[in-house]
PDB file of N, CA and C in Angstrom:
ATOM      1  N   MET A   1      44.717 -76.130  -3.732  1.00  0.00           N
ATOM      2  CA  MET A   1      44.621 -76.962  -4.907  1.00  0.00           C
ATOM      3  C   MET A   1      45.892 -76.780  -5.731  1.00  0.00           C
ATOM      4  N   ALA A   2      46.441 -77.906  -6.191  1.00  0.00           N
ATOM      5  CA  ALA A   2      47.674 -77.861  -6.979  1.00  0.00           C
ATOM      6  C   ALA A   2      47.376 -77.348  -8.378  1.00  0.00           C
ATOM      7  N   GLN A   3      48.275 -76.518  -8.861  1.00  0.00           N
ATOM      8  CA  GLN A   3      48.108 -75.955 -10.197  1.00  0.00           C
ATOM      9  C   GLN A   3      48.673 -76.941 -11.218  1.00  0.00           C
ATOM     10  N   ARG A   4      47.910 -77.145 -12.280  1.00  0.00           N
ATOM     11  CA  ARG A   4      48.353 -78.070 -13.323  1.00  0.00           C
ATOM     12  C   ARG A   4      49.275 -77.359 -14.294  1.00  0.00           C
ATOM     13  N   SER A   5      50.194 -78.133 -14.806  1.00  0.00           N
ATOM     14  CA  SER A   5      51.103 -77.614 -15.808  1.00  0.00           C
ATOM     15  C   SER A   5      50.635 -78.136 -17.164  1.00  0.00           C
ATOM     16  N   ASN A   6      49.902 -77.301 -17.891  1.00  0.00           N
ATOM     17  CA  ASN A   6      49.356 -77.708 -19.188  1.00  0.00           C
ATOM     18  C   ASN A   6      50.258 -77.229 -20.312  1.00  0.00           C
ATOM     19  N   ASN A   7      51.425 -77.828 -20.409  1.00  0.00           N
ATOM     20  CA  ASN A   7      52.339 -77.406 -21.456  1.00  0.00           C
ATOM     21  C   ASN A   7      52.643 -78.512 -22.462  1.00  0.00           C
ATOM     22  N   THR A   8      51.919 -79.643 -22.374  1.00  0.00           N
ATOM     23  CA  THR A   8      52.117 -80.741 -23.308  1.00  0.00           C
ATOM     24  C   THR A   8      50.950 -80.751 -24.287  1.00  0.00           C
ATOM     25  N   LYS A   9      51.289 -80.876 -25.557  1.00  0.00           N
ATOM     26  CA  LYS A   9      50.271 -80.817 -26.598  1.00  0.00           C
ATOM     27  C   LYS A   9      50.107 -82.186 -27.248  1.00  0.00           C
ATOM     28  N   ILE A  10      48.844 -82.551 -27.488  1.00  0.00           N
ATOM     29  CA  ILE A  10      48.533 -83.793 -28.202  1.00  0.00           C
ATOM     30  C   ILE A  10      47.795 -83.402 -29.475  1.00  0.00           C
ATOM     31  N   VAL A  11      48.232 -83.944 -30.605  1.00  0.00           N
ATOM     32  CA  VAL A  11      47.603 -83.656 -31.890  1.00  0.00           C
ATOM     33  C   VAL A  11      46.977 -84.940 -32.406  1.00  0.00           C
ATOM     34  N   ILE A  12      45.735 -84.834 -32.830  1.00  0.00           N
ATOM     35  CA  ILE A  12      45.028 -85.990 -33.385  1.00  0.00           C
ATOM     36  C   ILE A  12      44.640 -85.673 -34.812  1.00  0.00           C
ATOM     37  N   ARG A  13      44.996 -86.544 -35.716  1.00  0.00           N
ATOM     38  CA  ARG A  13      44.596 -86.375 -37.118  1.00  0.00           C
ATOM     39  C   ARG A  13      43.405 -87.291 -37.373  1.00  0.00           C
ATOM     40  N   CYS A  14      42.354 -86.701 -37.983  1.00  0.00           N
ATOM     41  CA  CYS A  14      41.153 -87.491 -38.252  1.00  0.00           C
ATOM     42  C   CYS A  14      40.420 -86.924 -39.463  1.00  0.00           C
ATOM     43  N   SER A  15      39.455 -87.690 -39.949  1.00  0.00           N
ATOM     44  CA  SER A  15      38.655 -87.238 -41.086  1.00  0.00           C
ATOM     45  C   SER A  15      37.606 -86.237 -40.612  1.00  0.00           C
ATOM     46  N   GLU A  16      36.936 -85.611 -41.549  1.00  0.00           N
ATOM     47  CA  GLU A  16      35.877 -84.665 -41.193  1.00  0.00           C
ATOM     48  C   GLU A  16      34.745 -85.369 -40.459  1.00  0.00           C
ATOM     49  N   GLU A  17      34.421 -86.610 -40.888  1.00  0.00           N
ATOM     50  CA  GLU A  17      33.356 -87.370 -40.229  1.00  0.00           C
ATOM     51  C   GLU A  17      33.727 -87.680 -38.780  1.00  0.00           C
ATOM     52  N   GLU A  18      34.990 -88.082 -38.586  1.00  0.00           N
ATOM     53  CA  GLU A  18      35.454 -88.381 -37.231  1.00  0.00           C
ATOM     54  C   GLU A  18      35.453 -87.122 -36.370  1.00  0.00           C
ATOM     55  N   LYS A  19      35.842 -85.999 -36.962  1.00  0.00           N
ATOM     56  CA  LYS A  19      35.832 -84.735 -36.233  1.00  0.00           C
ATOM     57  C   LYS A  19      34.407 -84.385 -35.816  1.00  0.00           C
ATOM     58  N   SER A  20      33.461 -84.573 -36.727  1.00  0.00           N
ATOM     59  CA  SER A  20      32.057 -84.297 -36.407  1.00  0.00           C
ATOM     60  C   SER A  20      31.575 -85.186 -35.272  1.00  0.00           C
ATOM     61  N   ALA A  21      31.954 -86.461 -35.310  1.00  0.00           N
ATOM     62  CA  ALA A  21      31.554 -87.395 -34.253  1.00  0.00           C
ATOM     63  C   ALA A  21      32.153 -86.989 -32.910  1.00  0.00           C
ATOM     64  N   LEU A  22      33.418 -86.552 -32.926  1.00  0.00           N
ATOM     65  CA  LEU A  22      34.065 -86.107 -31.687  1.00  0.00           C
ATOM     66  C   LEU A  22      33.390 -84.843 -31.135  1.00  0.00           C
ATOM     67  N   LEU A  23      33.087 -83.917 -32.030  1.00  0.00           N
ATOM     68  CA  LEU A  23      32.408 -82.692 -31.587  1.00  0.00           C
ATOM     69  C   LEU A  23      31.032 -83.007 -31.018  1.00  0.00           C
ATOM     70  N   MET A  24      30.332 -83.980 -31.633  1.00  0.00           N
ATOM     71  CA  MET A  24      29.013 -84.362 -31.140  1.00  0.00           C
ATOM     72  C   MET A  24      29.133 -85.006 -29.758  1.00  0.00           C
ATOM     73  N   ALA A  25      30.135 -85.880 -29.586  1.00  0.00           N
ATOM     74  CA  ALA A  25      30.355 -86.525 -28.289  1.00  0.00           C
ATOM     75  C   ALA A  25      30.689 -85.490 -27.231  1.00  0.00           C
ATOM     76  N   LYS A  26      31.510 -84.515 -27.588  1.00  0.00           N
ATOM     77  CA  LYS A  26      31.882 -83.443 -26.651  1.00  0.00           C
ATOM     78  C   LYS A  26      30.644 -82.665 -26.227  1.00  0.00           C
ATOM     79  N   SER A  27      29.775 -82.387 -27.186  1.00  0.00           N
ATOM     80  CA  SER A  27      28.544 -81.658 -26.904  1.00  0.00           C
ATOM     81  C   SER A  27      27.598 -82.486 -26.038  1.00  0.00           C
ATOM     82  N   GLN A  28      27.428 -83.759 -26.389  1.00  0.00           N
ATOM     83  CA  GLN A  28      26.515 -84.634 -25.643  1.00  0.00           C
ATOM     84  C   GLN A  28      26.961 -84.822 -24.195  1.00  0.00           C
ATOM     85  N   LEU A  29      28.255 -84.891 -23.984  1.00  0.00           N
ATOM     86  CA  LEU A  29      28.779 -85.082 -22.630  1.00  0.00           C
ATOM     87  C   LEU A  29      28.988 -83.759 -21.894  1.00  0.00           C
ATOM     88  N   LYS A  30      28.658 -82.671 -22.567  1.00  0.00           N
ATOM     89  CA  LYS A  30      28.773 -81.319 -21.982  1.00  0.00           C
ATOM     90  C   LYS A  30      30.179 -81.055 -21.452  1.00  0.00           C
ATOM     91  N   ALA A  31      31.165 -81.460 -22.263  1.00  0.00           N
ATOM     92  CA  ALA A  31      32.560 -81.225 -21.907  1.00  0.00           C
ATOM     93  C   ALA A  31      32.977 -79.857 -22.444  1.00  0.00           C
ATOM     94  N   ARG A  32      33.600 -79.047 -21.600  1.00  0.00           N
ATOM     95  CA  ARG A  32      34.021 -77.706 -22.028  1.00  0.00           C
ATOM     96  C   ARG A  32      35.326 -77.739 -22.805  1.00  0.00           C
ATOM     97  N   THR A  33      36.185 -78.686 -22.470  1.00  0.00           N
ATOM     98  CA  THR A  33      37.486 -78.778 -23.141  1.00  0.00           C
ATOM     99  C   THR A  33      37.688 -80.204 -23.646  1.00  0.00           C
ATOM    100  N   TRP A  34      38.688 -80.376 -24.511  1.00  0.00           N
ATOM    101  CA  TRP A  34      38.978 -81.715 -25.017  1.00  0.00           C
ATOM    102  C   TRP A  34      39.509 -82.599 -23.892  1.00  0.00           C
ATOM    103  N   LEU A  35      40.282 -82.023 -22.983  1.00  0.00           N
ATOM    104  CA  LEU A  35      40.798 -82.793 -21.861  1.00  0.00           C
ATOM    105  C   LEU A  35      39.647 -83.273 -20.975  1.00  0.00           C
ATOM    106  N   GLU A  36      38.671 -82.416 -20.751  1.00  0.00           N
ATOM    107  CA  GLU A  36      37.508 -82.799 -19.960  1.00  0.00           C
ATOM    108  C   GLU A  36      36.740 -83.930 -20.655  1.00  0.00           C
ATOM    109  N   LEU A  37      36.651 -83.881 -21.982  1.00  0.00           N
ATOM    110  CA  LEU A  37      35.985 -84.946 -22.732  1.00  0.00           C
ATOM    111  C   LEU A  37      36.697 -86.281 -22.515  1.00  0.00           C
ATOM    112  N   VAL A  38      38.024 -86.269 -22.641  1.00  0.00           N
ATOM    113  CA  VAL A  38      38.808 -87.495 -22.461  1.00  0.00           C
ATOM    114  C   VAL A  38      38.626 -88.023 -21.035  1.00  0.00           C
ATOM    115  N   GLU A  39      38.661 -87.135 -20.046  1.00  0.00           N
ATOM    116  CA  GLU A  39      38.484 -87.556 -18.655  1.00  0.00           C
ATOM    117  C   GLU A  39      37.109 -88.184 -18.448  1.00  0.00           C
ATOM    118  N   LYS A  40      36.070 -87.578 -19.026  1.00  0.00           N
ATOM    119  CA  LYS A  40      34.715 -88.120 -18.901  1.00  0.00           C
ATOM    120  C   LYS A  40      34.614 -89.480 -19.583  1.00  0.00           C
ATOM    121  N   LEU A  41      35.232 -89.617 -20.761  1.00  0.00           N
ATOM    122  CA  LEU A  41      35.188 -90.884 -21.473  1.00  0.00           C
ATOM    123  C   LEU A  41      35.933 -91.970 -20.712  1.00  0.00           C
ATOM    124  N   LEU A  42      37.032 -91.626 -20.068  1.00  0.00           N
ATOM    125  CA  LEU A  42      37.786 -92.602 -19.296  1.00  0.00           C
ATOM    126  C   LEU A  42      37.003 -93.078 -18.073  1.00  0.00           C
ATOM    127  N   ARG A  43      36.204 -92.189 -17.490  1.00  0.00           N
ATOM    128  CA  ARG A  43      35.400 -92.541 -16.316  1.00  0.00           C
ATOM    129  C   ARG A  43      34.164 -93.345 -16.684  1.00  0.00           C
ATOM    130  N   LYS A  44      33.654 -93.146 -17.906  1.00  0.00           N
ATOM    131  CA  LYS A  44      32.442 -93.851 -18.322  1.00  0.00           C
ATOM    132  C   LYS A  44      32.734 -95.326 -18.507  1.00  0.00           C
ATOM    133  N   LYS A  45      31.799 -96.155 -18.063  1.00  0.00           N
ATOM    134  CA  LYS A  45      31.975 -97.590 -18.230  1.00  0.00           C
ATOM    135  C   LYS A  45      31.671 -98.013 -19.657  1.00  0.00           C
ATOM    136  N   LYS A  46      30.597 -97.468 -20.228  1.00  0.00           N
ATOM    137  CA  LYS A  46      30.217 -97.841 -21.585  1.00  0.00           C
ATOM    138  C   LYS A  46      29.997 -96.569 -22.381  1.00  0.00           C
ATOM    139  N   ILE A  47      30.656 -96.465 -23.513  1.00  0.00           N
ATOM    140  CA  ILE A  47      30.515 -95.291 -24.363  1.00  0.00           C
ATOM    141  C   ILE A  47      29.463 -95.595 -25.413  1.00  0.00           C
ATOM    142  N   GLU A  48      28.383 -94.843 -25.402  1.00  0.00           N
ATOM    143  CA  GLU A  48      27.313 -95.031 -26.368  1.00  0.00           C
ATOM    144  C   GLU A  48      27.705 -94.368 -27.686  1.00  0.00           C
ATOM    145  N   PRO A  49      27.483 -95.045 -28.802  1.00  0.00           N
ATOM    146  CA  PRO A  49      27.778 -94.412 -30.087  1.00  0.00           C
ATOM    147  C   PRO A  49      26.797 -93.273 -30.341  1.00  0.00           C
ATOM    148  N   PRO A  50      27.229 -92.257 -31.060  1.00  0.00           N
ATOM    149  CA  PRO A  50      26.298 -91.164 -31.347  1.00  0.00           C
ATOM    150  C   PRO A  50      25.140 -91.666 -32.196  1.00  0.00           C
ATOM    151  N   LYS A  51      23.977 -91.099 -31.970  1.00  0.00           N
ATOM    152  CA  LYS A  51      22.791 -91.495 -32.712  1.00  0.00           C
ATOM    153  C   LYS A  51      22.853 -90.934 -34.121  1.00  0.00           C
ATOM    154  N   THR A  52      22.350 -91.702 -35.053  1.00  0.00           N
ATOM    155  CA  THR A  52      22.302 -91.280 -36.444  1.00  0.00           C
ATOM    156  C   THR A  52      20.998 -90.533 -36.666  1.00  0.00           C
ATOM    157  N   ILE A  53      21.086 -89.336 -37.178  1.00  0.00           N
ATOM    158  CA  ILE A  53      19.886 -88.552 -37.443  1.00  0.00           C
ATOM    159  C   ILE A  53      19.499 -88.756 -38.898  1.00  0.00           C
ATOM    160  N   ILE A  54      18.268 -89.185 -39.110  1.00  0.00           N
ATOM    161  CA  ILE A  54      17.798 -89.368 -40.471  1.00  0.00           C
ATOM    162  C   ILE A  54      16.753 -88.309 -40.781  1.00  0.00           C
ATOM    163  N   GLN A  55      16.733 -87.865 -42.015  1.00  0.00           N
ATOM    164  CA  GLN A  55      15.889 -86.737 -42.403  1.00  0.00           C
ATOM    165  C   GLN A  55      14.403 -87.072 -42.390  1.00  0.00           C
ATOM    166  N   ASP A  56      14.044 -88.266 -42.811  1.00  0.00           N
ATOM    167  CA  ASP A  56      12.631 -88.634 -42.802  1.00  0.00           C
ATOM    168  C   ASP A  56      12.504 -90.030 -42.226  1.00  0.00           C
ATOM    169  N   ASP A  57      11.340 -90.363 -41.769  1.00  0.00           N
ATOM    170  CA  ASP A  57      11.171 -91.632 -41.093  1.00  0.00           C
ATOM    171  C   ASP A  57      10.900 -92.798 -42.038  1.00  0.00           C
ATOM    172  N   ALA A  58      10.944 -92.599 -43.344  1.00  0.00           N
ATOM    173  CA  ALA A  58      10.704 -93.683 -44.299  1.00  0.00           C
ATOM    174  C   ALA A  58      11.764 -94.777 -44.163  1.00  0.00           C
ATOM    175  N   TYR A  59      13.024 -94.390 -43.977  1.00  0.00           N
ATOM    176  CA  TYR A  59      14.119 -95.353 -43.835  1.00  0.00           C
ATOM    177  C   TYR A  59      13.940 -96.195 -42.572  1.00  0.00           C
ATOM    178  N   LEU A  60      13.635 -95.529 -41.465  1.00  0.00           N
ATOM    179  CA  LEU A  60      13.417 -96.230 -40.205  1.00  0.00           C
ATOM    180  C   LEU A  60      12.208 -97.149 -40.321  1.00  0.00           C
ATOM    181  N   LEU A  61      11.163 -96.677 -40.958  1.00  0.00           N
ATOM    182  CA  LEU A  61       9.961 -97.488 -41.148  1.00  0.00           C
ATOM    183  C   LEU A  61      10.268 -98.731 -41.978  1.00  0.00           C
ATOM    184  N   GLU A  62      11.119 -98.591 -42.985  1.00  0.00           N
ATOM    185  CA  GLU A  62      11.505 -99.727 -43.830  1.00  0.00           C
ATOM    186  C   GLU A  62      12.245-100.787 -43.009  1.00  0.00           C
ATOM    187  N   ILE A  63      13.145-100.345 -42.147  1.00  0.00           N
ATOM    188  CA  ILE A  63      13.886-101.281 -41.290  1.00  0.00           C
ATOM    189  C   ILE A  63      12.935-101.995 -40.339  1.00  0.00           C
ATOM    190  N   LEU A  64      12.062-101.234 -39.689  1.00  0.00           N
ATOM    191  CA  LEU A  64      11.135-101.831 -38.731  1.00  0.00           C
ATOM    192  C   LEU A  64      10.135-102.757 -39.418  1.00  0.00           C
ATOM    193  N   THR A  65       9.718-102.415 -40.626  1.00  0.00           N
ATOM    194  CA  THR A  65       8.808-103.281 -41.386  1.00  0.00           C
ATOM    195  C   THR A  65       9.491-104.608 -41.707  1.00  0.00           C
ATOM    196  N   SER A  66      10.763-104.557 -42.096  1.00  0.00           N
ATOM    197  CA  SER A  66      11.510-105.789 -42.387  1.00  0.00           C
ATOM    198  C   SER A  66      11.630-106.661 -41.138  1.00  0.00           C
ATOM    199  N   LEU A  67      11.906-106.029 -40.007  1.00  0.00           N
ATOM    200  CA  LEU A  67      11.999-106.786 -38.758  1.00  0.00           C
ATOM    201  C   LEU A  67      10.650-107.401 -38.390  1.00  0.00           C
ATOM    202  N   LYS A  68       9.579-106.656 -38.627  1.00  0.00           N
ATOM    203  CA  LYS A  68       8.235-107.157 -38.331  1.00  0.00           C
ATOM    204  C   LYS A  68       7.917-108.366 -39.217  1.00  0.00           C
ATOM    205  N   ARG A  69       8.299-108.313 -40.492  1.00  0.00           N
ATOM    206  CA  ARG A  69       8.078-109.443 -41.398  1.00  0.00           C
ATOM    207  C   ARG A  69       8.844-110.678 -40.922  1.00  0.00           C
ATOM    208  N   CYS A  70      10.077-110.469 -40.473  1.00  0.00           N
ATOM    209  CA  CYS A  70      10.863-111.590 -39.946  1.00  0.00           C
ATOM    210  C   CYS A  70      10.165-112.206 -38.734  1.00  0.00           C
ATOM    211  N   ALA A  71       9.674-111.360 -37.849  1.00  0.00           N
ATOM    212  CA  ALA A  71       8.981-111.847 -36.654  1.00  0.00           C
ATOM    213  C   ALA A  71       7.697-112.583 -37.039  1.00  0.00           C
ATOM    214  N   ASN A  72       6.962-112.062 -38.007  1.00  0.00           N
ATOM    215  CA  ASN A  72       5.736-112.725 -38.451  1.00  0.00           C
ATOM    216  C   ASN A  72       6.045-114.096 -39.051  1.00  0.00           C
ATOM    217  N   ASN A  73       7.080-114.164 -39.885  1.00  0.00           N
ATOM    218  CA  ASN A  73       7.476-115.447 -40.466  1.00  0.00           C
ATOM    219  C   ASN A  73       7.855-116.449 -39.374  1.00  0.00           C
ATOM    220  N   LEU A  74       8.583-115.976 -38.388  1.00  0.00           N
ATOM    221  CA  LEU A  74       8.986-116.832 -37.276  1.00  0.00           C
ATOM    222  C   LEU A  74       7.753-117.339 -36.527  1.00  0.00           C
ATOM    223  N   ASN A  75       6.776-116.464 -36.313  1.00  0.00           N
ATOM    224  CA  ASN A  75       5.548-116.871 -35.628  1.00  0.00           C
ATOM    225  C   ASN A  75       4.776-117.909 -36.437  1.00  0.00           C
ATOM    226  N   GLN A  76       4.740-117.749 -37.753  1.00  0.00           N
ATOM    227  CA  GLN A  76       4.037-118.713 -38.608  1.00  0.00           C
ATOM    228  C   GLN A  76       4.714-120.087 -38.552  1.00  0.00           C
ATOM    229  N   VAL A  77       6.034-120.103 -38.611  1.00  0.00           N
ATOM    230  CA  VAL A  77       6.779-121.362 -38.514  1.00  0.00           C
ATOM    231  C   VAL A  77       6.486-122.028 -37.168  1.00  0.00           C
ATOM    232  N   THR A  78       6.503-121.243 -36.117  1.00  0.00           N
ATOM    233  CA  THR A  78       6.248-121.770 -34.776  1.00  0.00           C
ATOM    234  C   THR A  78       4.842-122.337 -34.672  1.00  0.00           C
ATOM    235  N   LYS A  79       3.867-121.627 -35.204  1.00  0.00           N
ATOM    236  CA  LYS A  79       2.468-122.063 -35.141  1.00  0.00           C
ATOM    237  C   LYS A  79       2.282-123.392 -35.879  1.00  0.00           C
ATOM    238  N   ILE A  80       2.819-123.501 -37.081  1.00  0.00           N
ATOM    239  CA  ILE A  80       2.700-124.736 -37.860  1.00  0.00           C
ATOM    240  C   ILE A  80       3.400-125.896 -37.154  1.00  0.00           C
ATOM    241  N   ALA A  81       4.595-125.620 -36.657  1.00  0.00           N
ATOM    242  CA  ALA A  81       5.358-126.669 -35.979  1.00  0.00           C
ATOM    243  C   ALA A  81       4.628-127.148 -34.724  1.00  0.00           C
ATOM    244  N   ASN A  82       4.044-126.226 -33.969  1.00  0.00           N
ATOM    245  CA  ASN A  82       3.331-126.605 -32.752  1.00  0.00           C
ATOM    246  C   ASN A  82       2.029-127.346 -33.065  1.00  0.00           C
ATOM    247  N   SER A  83       1.337-126.912 -34.116  1.00  0.00           N
ATOM    248  CA  SER A  83       0.062-127.559 -34.442  1.00  0.00           C
ATOM    249  C   SER A  83       0.263-128.966 -34.990  1.00  0.00           C
ATOM    250  N   SER A  84       1.340-129.196 -35.700  1.00  0.00           N
ATOM    251  CA  SER A  84       1.601-130.532 -36.254  1.00  0.00           C
ATOM    252  C   SER A  84       2.430-131.393 -35.302  1.00  0.00           C
ATOM    253  N   LYS A  85       2.862-130.812 -34.216  1.00  0.00           N
ATOM    254  CA  LYS A  85       3.665-131.504 -33.194  1.00  0.00           C
ATOM    255  C   LYS A  85       4.928-132.136 -33.771  1.00  0.00           C
ATOM    256  N   THR A  86       5.500-131.447 -34.762  1.00  0.00           N
ATOM    257  CA  THR A  86       6.715-131.977 -35.401  1.00  0.00           C
ATOM    258  C   THR A  86       7.959-131.201 -34.978  1.00  0.00           C
ATOM    259  N   ILE A  87       7.889-130.530 -33.892  1.00  0.00           N
ATOM    260  CA  ILE A  87       9.016-129.696 -33.460  1.00  0.00           C
ATOM    261  C   ILE A  87       9.634-130.302 -32.197  1.00  0.00           C
ATOM    262  N   SER A  88      10.941-130.367 -32.211  1.00  0.00           N
ATOM    263  CA  SER A  88      11.652-130.914 -31.054  1.00  0.00           C
ATOM    264  C   SER A  88      11.897-129.807 -30.029  1.00  0.00           C
ATOM    265  N   HIS A  89      12.329-130.237 -28.865  1.00  0.00           N
ATOM    266  CA  HIS A  89      12.618-129.261 -27.809  1.00  0.00           C
ATOM    267  C   HIS A  89      13.759-128.327 -28.228  1.00  0.00           C
ATOM    268  N   SER A  90      14.784-128.868 -28.868  1.00  0.00           N
ATOM    269  CA  SER A  90      15.919-128.027 -29.283  1.00  0.00           C
ATOM    270  C   SER A  90      15.493-127.014 -30.351  1.00  0.00           C
ATOM    271  N   GLU A  91      14.568-127.432 -31.232  1.00  0.00           N
ATOM    272  CA  GLU A  91      14.058-126.493 -32.241  1.00  0.00           C
ATOM    273  C   GLU A  91      13.227-125.393 -31.590  1.00  0.00           C
ATOM    274  N   THR A  92      12.472-125.761 -30.562  1.00  0.00           N
ATOM    275  CA  THR A  92      11.695-124.773 -29.813  1.00  0.00           C
ATOM    276  C   THR A  92      12.631-123.749 -29.169  1.00  0.00           C
ATOM    277  N   VAL A  93      13.705-124.225 -28.602  1.00  0.00           N
ATOM    278  CA  VAL A  93      14.689-123.336 -27.970  1.00  0.00           C
ATOM    279  C   VAL A  93      15.304-122.404 -29.017  1.00  0.00           C
ATOM    280  N   GLN A  94      15.615-122.945 -30.194  1.00  0.00           N
ATOM    281  CA  GLN A  94      16.186-122.119 -31.262  1.00  0.00           C
ATOM    282  C   GLN A  94      15.201-121.046 -31.726  1.00  0.00           C
ATOM    283  N   LEU A  95      13.925-121.415 -31.863  1.00  0.00           N
ATOM    284  CA  LEU A  95      12.917-120.439 -32.285  1.00  0.00           C
ATOM    285  C   LEU A  95      12.758-119.325 -31.247  1.00  0.00           C
ATOM    286  N   LYS A  96      12.762-119.700 -29.981  1.00  0.00           N
ATOM    287  CA  LYS A  96      12.670-118.691 -28.919  1.00  0.00           C
ATOM    288  C   LYS A  96      13.882-117.755 -28.954  1.00  0.00           C
ATOM    289  N   LYS A  97      15.053-118.337 -29.202  1.00  0.00           N
ATOM    290  CA  LYS A  97      16.283-117.541 -29.279  1.00  0.00           C
ATOM    291  C   LYS A  97      16.208-116.551 -30.448  1.00  0.00           C
ATOM    292  N   LEU A  98      15.705-117.025 -31.598  1.00  0.00           N
ATOM    293  CA  LEU A  98      15.545-116.138 -32.758  1.00  0.00           C
ATOM    294  C   LEU A  98      14.567-115.008 -32.457  1.00  0.00           C
ATOM    295  N   ALA A  99      13.474-115.335 -31.786  1.00  0.00           N
ATOM    296  CA  ALA A  99      12.486-114.314 -31.431  1.00  0.00           C
ATOM    297  C   ALA A  99      13.106-113.254 -30.524  1.00  0.00           C
ATOM    298  N   MET A 100      13.918-113.685 -29.581  1.00  0.00           N
ATOM    299  CA  MET A 100      14.589-112.739 -28.675  1.00  0.00           C
ATOM    300  C   MET A 100      15.582-111.869 -29.443  1.00  0.00           C
ATOM    301  N   GLN A 101      16.297-112.459 -30.409  1.00  0.00           N
ATOM    302  CA  GLN A 101      17.263-111.695 -31.199  1.00  0.00           C
ATOM    303  C   GLN A 101      16.564-110.647 -32.053  1.00  0.00           C
ATOM    304  N   ILE A 102      15.424-111.003 -32.640  1.00  0.00           N
ATOM    305  CA  ILE A 102      14.669-110.044 -33.451  1.00  0.00           C
ATOM    306  C   ILE A 102      14.184-108.891 -32.571  1.00  0.00           C
ATOM    307  N   SER A 103      13.661-109.229 -31.405  1.00  0.00           N
ATOM    308  CA  SER A 103      13.183-108.196 -30.479  1.00  0.00           C
ATOM    309  C   SER A 103      14.326-107.286 -30.036  1.00  0.00           C
ATOM    310  N   SER A 104      15.455-107.888 -29.730  1.00  0.00           N
ATOM    311  CA  SER A 104      16.626-107.115 -29.306  1.00  0.00           C
ATOM    312  C   SER A 104      17.111-106.195 -30.427  1.00  0.00           C
ATOM    313  N   LEU A 105      17.131-106.719 -31.646  1.00  0.00           N
ATOM    314  CA  LEU A 105      17.557-105.928 -32.799  1.00  0.00           C
ATOM    315  C   LEU A 105      16.622-104.743 -33.020  1.00  0.00           C
ATOM    316  N   LYS A 106      15.321-104.985 -32.885  1.00  0.00           N
ATOM    317  CA  LYS A 106      14.339-103.905 -33.032  1.00  0.00           C
ATOM    318  C   LYS A 106      14.606-102.800 -32.000  1.00  0.00           C
ATOM    319  N   ASN A 107      14.855-103.189 -30.764  1.00  0.00           N
ATOM    320  CA  ASN A 107      15.131-102.212 -29.715  1.00  0.00           C
ATOM    321  C   ASN A 107      16.408-101.432 -29.997  1.00  0.00           C
ATOM    322  N   LYS A 108      17.443-102.115 -30.490  1.00  0.00           N
ATOM    323  CA  LYS A 108      18.695-101.437 -30.831  1.00  0.00           C
ATOM    324  C   LYS A 108      18.485-100.434 -31.954  1.00  0.00           C
ATOM    325  N   VAL A 109      17.681-100.830 -32.954  1.00  0.00           N
ATOM    326  CA  VAL A 109      17.400 -99.921 -34.072  1.00  0.00           C
ATOM    327  C   VAL A 109      16.680 -98.682 -33.559  1.00  0.00           C
ATOM    328  N   LEU A 110      15.689 -98.875 -32.721  1.00  0.00           N
ATOM    329  CA  LEU A 110      14.926 -97.746 -32.190  1.00  0.00           C
ATOM    330  C   LEU A 110      15.795 -96.823 -31.342  1.00  0.00           C
ATOM    331  N   LYS A 111      16.774 -97.374 -30.649  1.00  0.00           N
ATOM    332  CA  LYS A 111      17.660 -96.552 -29.820  1.00  0.00           C
ATOM    333  C   LYS A 111      18.743 -95.870 -30.633  1.00  0.00           C
ATOM    334  N   SER A 112      19.079 -96.424 -31.804  1.00  0.00           N
ATOM    335  CA  SER A 112      20.189 -95.914 -32.599  1.00  0.00           C
ATOM    336  C   SER A 112      19.817 -94.759 -33.509  1.00  0.00           C
ATOM    337  N   PHE A 113      18.543 -94.627 -33.822  1.00  0.00           N
ATOM    338  CA  PHE A 113      18.118 -93.601 -34.780  1.00  0.00           C
ATOM    339  C   PHE A 113      17.241 -92.559 -34.108  1.00  0.00           C
ATOM    340  N   VAL A 114      17.456 -91.322 -34.480  1.00  0.00           N
ATOM    341  CA  VAL A 114      16.612 -90.230 -34.050  1.00  0.00           C
ATOM    342  C   VAL A 114      16.066 -89.596 -35.322  1.00  0.00           C
ATOM    343  N   VAL A 115      14.763 -89.533 -35.418  1.00  0.00           N
ATOM    344  CA  VAL A 115      14.155 -88.921 -36.596  1.00  0.00           C
ATOM    345  C   VAL A 115      14.109 -87.417 -36.352  1.00  0.00           C
ATOM    346  N   GLU A 116      14.673 -86.660 -37.287  1.00  0.00           N
ATOM    347  CA  GLU A 116      14.685 -85.217 -37.154  1.00  0.00           C
ATOM    348  C   GLU A 116      13.242 -84.727 -37.030  1.00  0.00           C
ATOM    349  N   GLY A 117      12.956 -83.975 -35.997  1.00  0.00           N
ATOM    350  CA  GLY A 117      11.598 -83.510 -35.750  1.00  0.00           C
ATOM    351  C   GLY A 117      11.074 -84.075 -34.436  1.00  0.00           C
ATOM    352  N   GLY A 118      11.875 -84.928 -33.785  1.00  0.00           N
ATOM    353  CA  GLY A 118      11.554 -85.369 -32.438  1.00  0.00           C
ATOM    354  C   GLY A 118      10.636 -86.552 -32.317  1.00  0.00           C
ATOM    355  N   LYS A 119      10.499 -87.398 -33.322  1.00  0.00           N
ATOM    356  CA  LYS A 119       9.650 -88.590 -33.197  1.00  0.00           C
ATOM    357  C   LYS A 119      10.350 -89.669 -32.414  1.00  0.00           C
TER     358      LYS A 119
END
């Protein structure tokens, strides 16, 4: 095996928040060195952002409640439009698209937050 010549230094200036994010990424990817972290990141196809840890689930519940209200409103509009037969095909397609976006957003929110305590 060829021996590497590690005599070149790279310096990165960043904020404390950025440093914390880098340290978290290094830990999550189980990289022992910064070079190993960079190599792993270069090999990865998609880099997932670090999850935001929130102290209590009230904030997450508020977000999910808002999304649920949006979905309920969308369902009510759809029900009225279908019962009165005043909805066009293009409007039906738009409503379905909105429903999919709300569902997708809910899933992204659930994947992005970790409630401290393992919920």
